[in-house]
C-alpha atoms as a PDB file:
ATOM      1  CA  MET A   1      -3.871   7.445 -27.838  1.00  0.00           C
ATOM      2  CA  MET A   2      -2.356   7.271 -24.593  1.00  0.00           C
ATOM      3  CA  LYS A   3      -1.899   3.684 -23.560  1.00  0.00           C
ATOM      4  CA  VAL A   4      -2.493   3.398 -20.275  1.00  0.00           C
ATOM      5  CA  ARG A   5      -2.316  -0.112 -19.838  1.00  0.00           C
ATOM      6  CA  ILE A   6       1.085   0.020 -19.535  1.00  0.00           C
ATOM      7  CA  ALA A   7       0.493   1.112 -16.563  1.00  0.00           C
ATOM      8  CA  THR A   8      -1.189  -1.889 -15.313  1.00  0.00           C
ATOM      9  CA  GLY A   9       1.756  -3.741 -15.709  1.00  0.00           C
ATOM     10  CA  LEU A  10       3.212  -2.169 -12.887  1.00  0.00           C
ATOM     11  CA  GLY A  11      -0.026  -2.520 -10.756  1.00  0.00           C
ATOM     12  CA  LEU A  12      -0.071   1.202 -10.861  1.00  0.00           C
ATOM     13  CA  VAL A  13       2.027   1.193  -8.160  1.00  0.00           C
ATOM     14  CA  LEU A  14      -0.295   3.164  -6.089  1.00  0.00           C
ATOM     15  CA  LEU A  15      -0.560   2.221  -2.646  1.00  0.00           C
ATOM     16  CA  MET A  16      -0.838   2.585  -0.008  1.00  0.00           C
ATOM     17  CA  ALA A  17      -0.986   0.414   2.241  1.00  0.00           C
ATOM     18  CA  THR A  18      -3.827  -1.504   3.447  1.00  0.00           C
ATOM     19  CA  MET A  19      -1.770  -3.061   6.108  1.00  0.00           C
ATOM     20  CA  VAL A  20      -0.561  -3.063   9.416  1.00  0.00           C
ATOM     21  CA  GLY A  21       2.170  -4.346  11.493  1.00  0.00           C
ATOM     22  CA  GLY A  22       5.316  -5.428  10.895  1.00  0.00           C
ATOM     23  CA  PRO A  23       8.573  -6.832  13.108  1.00  0.00           C
ATOM     24  CA  VAL A  24       8.847  -3.788  15.556  1.00  0.00           C
ATOM     25  CA  ARG A  25      12.089  -1.608  15.533  1.00  0.00           C
ATOM     26  CA  VAL A  26      11.404   1.086  18.021  1.00  0.00           C
ATOM     27  CA  SER A  27       8.573   0.483  20.428  1.00  0.00           C
ATOM     28  CA  GLN A  28       7.795  -3.188  21.444  1.00  0.00           C
ATOM     29  CA  ALA A  29       4.533  -3.171  22.862  1.00  0.00           C
ATOM     30  CA  GLN A  30       3.646  -5.237  26.206  1.00  0.00           C
ATOM     31  CA  ASP A  31       0.478  -7.052  27.022  1.00  0.00           C
ATOM     32  CA  ASP A  32       0.897  -5.285  30.455  1.00  0.00           C
ATOM     33  CA  GLU A  33       0.928  -2.140  28.996  1.00  0.00           C
ATOM     34  CA  GLY A  34      -2.492  -1.141  28.844  1.00  0.00           C
ATOM     35  CA  GLY A  35      -4.407  -0.319  25.646  1.00  0.00           C
ATOM     36  CA  VAL A  36      -4.066  -1.973  22.377  1.00  0.00           C
ATOM     37  CA  THR A  37      -0.641  -3.976  21.909  1.00  0.00           C
ATOM     38  CA  LEU A  38       0.939  -5.281  18.798  1.00  0.00           C
ATOM     39  CA  ALA A  39       0.332  -8.629  19.939  1.00  0.00           C
ATOM     40  CA  SER A  40      -3.772  -7.990  20.577  1.00  0.00           C
ATOM     41  CA  LEU A  41      -3.726  -7.086  16.932  1.00  0.00           C
ATOM     42  CA  ALA A  42      -2.588 -10.521  15.638  1.00  0.00           C
ATOM     43  CA  GLY A  43      -5.267 -12.055  13.322  1.00  0.00           C
ATOM     44  CA  LYS A  44      -7.149 -11.970   9.844  1.00  0.00           C
ATOM     45  CA  TYR A  45      -8.050  -8.575   8.365  1.00  0.00           C
ATOM     46  CA  ALA A  46     -10.274  -7.699   5.481  1.00  0.00           C
ATOM     47  CA  ALA A  47      -9.823  -3.694   3.935  1.00  0.00           C
ATOM     48  CA  ARG A  48     -10.625  -1.674   1.463  1.00  0.00           C
ATOM     49  CA  GLY A  49      -9.578   2.101   0.272  1.00  0.00           C
ATOM     50  CA  SER A  50      -9.137   4.385  -2.210  1.00  0.00           C
ATOM     51  CA  GLY A  51      -6.646   7.046  -3.483  1.00  0.00           C
ATOM     52  CA  PHE A  52      -5.042   9.244  -5.996  1.00  0.00           C
ATOM     53  CA  GLU A  53      -1.797   9.580  -7.653  1.00  0.00           C
ATOM     54  CA  THR A  54      -0.072  11.287 -11.121  1.00  0.00           C
ATOM     55  CA  VAL A  55       1.624   8.733 -13.654  1.00  0.00           C
ATOM     56  CA  CYS A  56       4.171  10.072 -15.812  1.00  0.00           C
ATOM     57  CA  PHE A  57       4.481   8.837 -19.498  1.00  0.00           C
ATOM     58  CA  ASN A  58       6.746   9.779 -22.488  1.00  0.00           C
ATOM     59  CA  ALA A  59       6.199  12.245 -24.788  1.00  0.00           C
ATOM     60  CA  GLY A  60       4.314   9.332 -27.210  1.00  0.00           C
ATOM     61  CA  PHE A  61       2.422   7.799 -24.287  1.00  0.00           C
ATOM     62  CA  THR A  62       3.918   4.843 -25.513  1.00  0.00           C
ATOM     63  CA  ALA A  63       5.819   4.062 -21.975  1.00  0.00           C
ATOM     64  CA  LEU A  64       5.879   5.400 -18.524  1.00  0.00           C
ATOM     65  CA  ALA A  65       8.328   8.241 -17.394  1.00  0.00           C
ATOM     66  CA  ASP A  66      10.730   9.381 -15.172  1.00  0.00           C
ATOM     67  CA  CYS A  67       8.417  12.221 -13.341  1.00  0.00           C
ATOM     68  CA  SER A  68      11.296  14.539 -13.067  1.00  0.00           C
ATOM     69  CA  LEU A  69      11.746  14.694 -16.853  1.00  0.00           C
ATOM     70  CA  SER A  70      10.427  17.909 -18.620  1.00  0.00           C
ATOM     71  CA  THR A  71       9.041  15.680 -21.711  1.00  0.00           C
ATOM     72  CA  SER A  72       6.900  13.654 -19.421  1.00  0.00           C
ATOM     73  CA  HIS A  73       3.391  14.017 -19.670  1.00  0.00           C
ATOM     74  CA  LEU A  74       1.813  13.969 -15.986  1.00  0.00           C
ATOM     75  CA  VAL A  75      -1.544  11.965 -15.690  1.00  0.00           C
ATOM     76  CA  PRO A  76      -3.604  11.911 -12.840  1.00  0.00           C
ATOM     77  CA  PHE A  77      -5.530   8.434 -11.804  1.00  0.00           C
ATOM     78  CA  GLU A  78      -8.005   7.298  -9.224  1.00  0.00           C
ATOM     79  CA  SER A  79      -7.836   4.005  -7.518  1.00  0.00           C
ATOM     80  CA  ALA A  80      -9.915   1.505  -5.522  1.00  0.00           C
ATOM     81  CA  PHE A  81      -8.370  -1.315  -3.932  1.00  0.00           C
ATOM     82  CA  VAL A  82      -9.540  -4.212  -1.501  1.00  0.00           C
ATOM     83  CA  SER A  83      -7.145  -6.481   0.460  1.00  0.00           C
ATOM     84  CA  HIS A  84      -6.740  -9.096   2.957  1.00  0.00           C
ATOM     85  CA  PHE A  85      -3.838 -10.095   5.317  1.00  0.00           C
ATOM     86  CA  THR A  86      -2.890 -11.923   8.292  1.00  0.00           C
ATOM     87  CA  ARG A  87      -0.934 -10.425  11.834  1.00  0.00           C
ATOM     88  CA  ASP A  88       0.979 -12.546  13.937  1.00  0.00           C
ATOM     89  CA  LYS A  89       1.359 -11.593  17.771  1.00  0.00           C
ATOM     90  CA  ALA A  90       5.026 -10.167  16.710  1.00  0.00           C
ATOM     91  CA  GLY A  91       3.338  -7.564  14.333  1.00  0.00           C
ATOM     92  CA  ASN A  92       5.129  -9.486  11.067  1.00  0.00           C
ATOM     93  CA  THR A  93       2.084  -8.883   8.072  1.00  0.00           C
ATOM     94  CA  CYS A  94       2.199  -9.592   4.380  1.00  0.00           C
ATOM     95  CA  VAL A  95      -0.599  -8.169   2.601  1.00  0.00           C
ATOM     96  CA  VAL A  96      -2.209  -9.040  -0.817  1.00  0.00           C
ATOM     97  CA  ILE A  97      -3.835  -6.096  -2.780  1.00  0.00           C
ATOM     98  CA  ASN A  98      -6.563  -5.839  -5.734  1.00  0.00           C
ATOM     99  CA  ILE A  99      -6.366  -2.764  -7.274  1.00  0.00           C
ATOM    100  CA  THR A 100      -8.660  -1.054  -9.936  1.00  0.00           C
ATOM    101  CA  SER A 101      -7.592   2.033 -11.454  1.00  0.00           C
ATOM    102  CA  ALA A 102      -8.707   4.964 -13.871  1.00  0.00           C
ATOM    103  CA  PRO A 103      -7.553   8.443 -15.560  1.00  0.00           C
ATOM    104  CA  VAL A 104      -9.265  10.763 -13.427  1.00  0.00           C
ATOM    105  CA  SER A 105      -9.948  13.109 -16.739  1.00  0.00           C
ATOM    106  CA  GLY A 106      -9.270  13.586 -20.248  1.00  0.00           C
ATOM    107  CA  THR A 107      -9.778  10.278 -21.912  1.00  0.00           C
ATOM    108  CA  ASN A 108     -12.218   7.684 -22.386  1.00  0.00           C
ATOM    109  CA  SER A 109     -10.180   4.568 -21.060  1.00  0.00           C
ATOM    110  CA  PRO A 110     -12.440   2.361 -19.276  1.00  0.00           C
ATOM    111  CA  ALA A 111     -10.860   1.527 -15.596  1.00  0.00           C
ATOM    112  CA  LEU A 112      -7.947  -1.191 -15.108  1.00  0.00           C
ATOM    113  CA  GLY A 113      -7.660  -4.286 -13.327  1.00  0.00           C
ATOM    114  CA  ASN A 114      -4.334  -4.488 -12.356  1.00  0.00           C
ATOM    115  CA  PRO A 115      -2.302  -7.649 -11.317  1.00  0.00           C
ATOM    116  CA  PRO A 116      -2.070  -8.164  -7.652  1.00  0.00           C
ATOM    117  CA  GLN A 117       0.225  -6.436  -5.431  1.00  0.00           C
ATOM    118  CA  THR A 118       2.100  -7.424  -2.149  1.00  0.00           C
ATOM    119  CA  PHE A 119       3.059  -5.503   0.455  1.00  0.00           C
ATOM    120  CA  VAL A 120       5.612  -6.181   3.164  1.00  0.00           C
ATOM    121  CA  ILE A 121       5.422  -3.997   6.085  1.00  0.00           C
ATOM    122  CA  THR A 122       7.997  -3.104   9.240  1.00  0.00           C
ATOM    123  CA  THR A 123       6.429  -0.962  12.169  1.00  0.00           C
ATOM    124  CA  ILE A 124       8.862   1.631  12.980  1.00  0.00           C
ATOM    125  CA  SER A 125       6.913   2.793  16.185  1.00  0.00           C
ATOM    126  CA  PHE A 126       3.968   1.942  17.787  1.00  0.00           C
ATOM    127  CA  ASP A 127       1.850   3.649  20.933  1.00  0.00           C
ATOM    128  CA  PRO A 128      -0.116   0.885  22.917  1.00  0.00           C
ATOM    129  CA  THR A 129      -1.638   3.972  24.645  1.00  0.00           C
ATOM    130  CA  THR A 130      -2.979   5.592  21.913  1.00  0.00           C
ATOM    131  CA  GLY A 131      -3.568   2.787  19.511  1.00  0.00           C
ATOM    132  CA  SER A 132      -1.203   4.662  16.842  1.00  0.00           C
ATOM    133  CA  GLY A 133       1.995   4.142  14.783  1.00  0.00           C
ATOM    134  CA  THR A 134       3.772   4.614  11.757  1.00  0.00           C
ATOM    135  CA  GLU A 135       5.201   1.877   9.565  1.00  0.00           C
ATOM    136  CA  SER A 136       7.067   1.470   6.391  1.00  0.00           C
ATOM    137  CA  PHE A 137       6.355  -0.874   3.433  1.00  0.00           C
ATOM    138  CA  SER A 138       7.711  -2.225   0.173  1.00  0.00           C
ATOM    139  CA  GLN A 139       5.477  -3.140  -2.662  1.00  0.00           C
ATOM    140  CA  TYR A 140       5.878  -5.834  -4.744  1.00  0.00           C
ATOM    141  CA  GLN A 141       4.580  -6.935  -8.720  1.00  0.00           C
ATOM    142  CA  GLY A 142       4.061 -10.339  -8.055  1.00  0.00           C
ATOM    143  CA  GLY A 143       5.047 -12.525  -5.183  1.00  0.00           C
ATOM    144  CA  GLY A 144       2.783 -13.754  -2.700  1.00  0.00           C
ATOM    145  CA  CYS A 145       1.888 -14.861   1.139  1.00  0.00           C
ATOM    146  CA  ASN A 146       1.710 -17.579   2.782  1.00  0.00           C
ATOM    147  CA  GLY A 147       0.238 -16.356   6.191  1.00  0.00           C
ATOM    148  CA  VAL A 148       2.586 -13.501   7.171  1.00  0.00           C
ATOM    149  CA  VAL A 149       5.558 -15.146   5.561  1.00  0.00           C
ATOM    150  CA  PHE A 150       6.504 -13.158   2.145  1.00  0.00           C
ATOM    151  CA  ASN A 151       7.298 -15.533  -0.825  1.00  0.00           C
ATOM    152  CA  SER A 152       9.432 -13.318  -3.082  1.00  0.00           C
ATOM    153  CA  ALA A 153       9.433 -16.044  -5.957  1.00  0.00           C
ATOM    154  CA  GLY A 154       8.655 -13.639  -9.323  1.00  0.00           C
ATOM    155  CA  ALA A 155       8.532 -10.700  -7.349  1.00  0.00           C
ATOM    156  CA  THR A 156       9.872  -7.359  -8.495  1.00  0.00           C
ATOM    157  CA  LEU A 157      10.221  -4.368  -6.451  1.00  0.00           C
ATOM    158  CA  VAL A 158       8.060  -1.550  -7.020  1.00  0.00           C
ATOM    159  CA  ALA A 159       7.574   1.237  -4.477  1.00  0.00           C
ATOM    160  CA  THR A 160       8.747   1.794  -0.759  1.00  0.00           C
ATOM    161  CA  GLY A 161       6.906   4.116   1.332  1.00  0.00           C
ATOM    162  CA  THR A 162       5.599   4.720   4.964  1.00  0.00           C
ATOM    163  CA  GLN A 163       2.205   4.811   6.311  1.00  0.00           C
ATOM    164  CA  SER A 164       0.569   6.122   9.564  1.00  0.00           C
ATOM    165  CA  LEU A 165      -2.005   4.071  11.399  1.00  0.00           C
ATOM    166  CA  ALA A 166      -4.677   4.063  14.101  1.00  0.00           C
ATOM    167  CA  VAL A 167      -6.386   1.695  15.923  1.00  0.00           C
ATOM    168  CA  SER A 168      -9.928   1.835  17.494  1.00  0.00           C
ATOM    169  CA  ASP A 169     -12.958  -0.276  18.349  1.00  0.00           C
ATOM    170  CA  SER A 170     -10.609  -2.149  20.986  1.00  0.00           C
ATOM    171  CA  GLY A 171      -8.467  -3.463  17.716  1.00  0.00           C
ATOM    172  CA  LYS A 172     -11.026  -4.162  15.594  1.00  0.00           C
ATOM    173  CA  ARG A 173     -10.628  -1.414  13.146  1.00  0.00           C
ATOM    174  CA  ILE A 174      -7.350   0.313  11.586  1.00  0.00           C
ATOM    175  CA  GLU A 175      -7.210   3.272   9.540  1.00  0.00           C
ATOM    176  CA  ILE A 176      -4.368   3.762   7.478  1.00  0.00           C
ATOM    177  CA  ILE A 177      -3.133   6.790   5.354  1.00  0.00           C
ATOM    178  CA  THR A 178       0.118   6.823   3.261  1.00  0.00           C
ATOM    179  CA  THR A 179       2.623   9.498   4.512  1.00  0.00           C
ATOM    180  CA  SER A 180       5.091   8.559   1.782  1.00  0.00           C
ATOM    181  CA  PHE A 181       5.781   6.784  -1.493  1.00  0.00           C
ATOM    182  CA  ASN A 182       8.868   6.268  -3.954  1.00  0.00           C
ATOM    183  CA  ALA A 183       7.974   4.461  -6.919  1.00  0.00           C
ATOM    184  CA  VAL A 184      11.030   2.349  -8.669  1.00  0.00           C
ATOM    185  CA  GLY A 185      12.260   4.999 -11.325  1.00  0.00           C
ATOM    186  CA  ASN A 186      10.113   7.759 -10.043  1.00  0.00           C
ATOM    187  CA  ILE A 187       7.031   6.820 -12.434  1.00  0.00           C
ATOM    188  CA  ILE A 188       4.526   7.697 -10.060  1.00  0.00           C
ATOM    189  CA  GLN A 189       4.054  11.178  -7.822  1.00  0.00           C
ATOM    190  CA  GLY A 190       1.918  12.741  -5.719  1.00  0.00           C
ATOM    191  CA  VAL A 191       0.077   9.392  -3.687  1.00  0.00           C
ATOM    192  CA  VAL A 192      -2.558  10.410  -1.748  1.00  0.00           C
ATOM    193  CA  SER A 193      -4.635   7.378  -0.281  1.00  0.00           C
ATOM    194  CA  SER A 194      -6.514   6.013   2.796  1.00  0.00           C
ATOM    195  CA  ALA A 195      -7.568   2.659   3.605  1.00  0.00           C
ATOM    196  CA  THR A 196      -9.913   0.926   6.608  1.00  0.00           C
ATOM    197  CA  ALA A 197      -9.197  -2.555   7.629  1.00  0.00           C
ATOM    198  CA  ILE A 198     -11.599  -4.626  10.004  1.00  0.00           C
ATOM    199  CA  ARG A 199     -10.870  -7.713  11.679  1.00  0.00           C
ATOM    200  CA  GLN A 200     -12.717 -10.553  10.544  1.00  0.00           C
END
């Protein structure tokens, strides 16, 4: 029987990012430029989202495997998640996500609660006129957040990726969609996920 709990140990490295912001690299939004700025997005948020991904197992379904291997068995999973995070005026963000995942079909295994995941976000670009931007993220198993500061104690990098965001409702609502996802060991492929964050 497939041991899907192996995937739990990595938190099913899904996601995606229900988070926004990070240190600005390309576009420094200013308060006097009009529209929504990175500074105006400072505050606390709660988010929820969902997604799909393909998790790759070895021939005996006893361990995760590189998806590029011809011997790997590809199993589609669906996930739902909730998160909370704090943004500062510079756009720095650290996010803690709780994920539940289950195989889409082919098994009677129950949904699995995964260990919390920590995301560290960096802004690639942000347009204050349209309230849209792009970001890169690093996902960790373990670690934690002290406000916007990442606590790396006990953290293991499990994935990196990028996401796009769109801000609405005067900065009170942020829509996020994953645009790329790279799992360490190439054990997950085909990630499709989105999330909505609401200012608290």
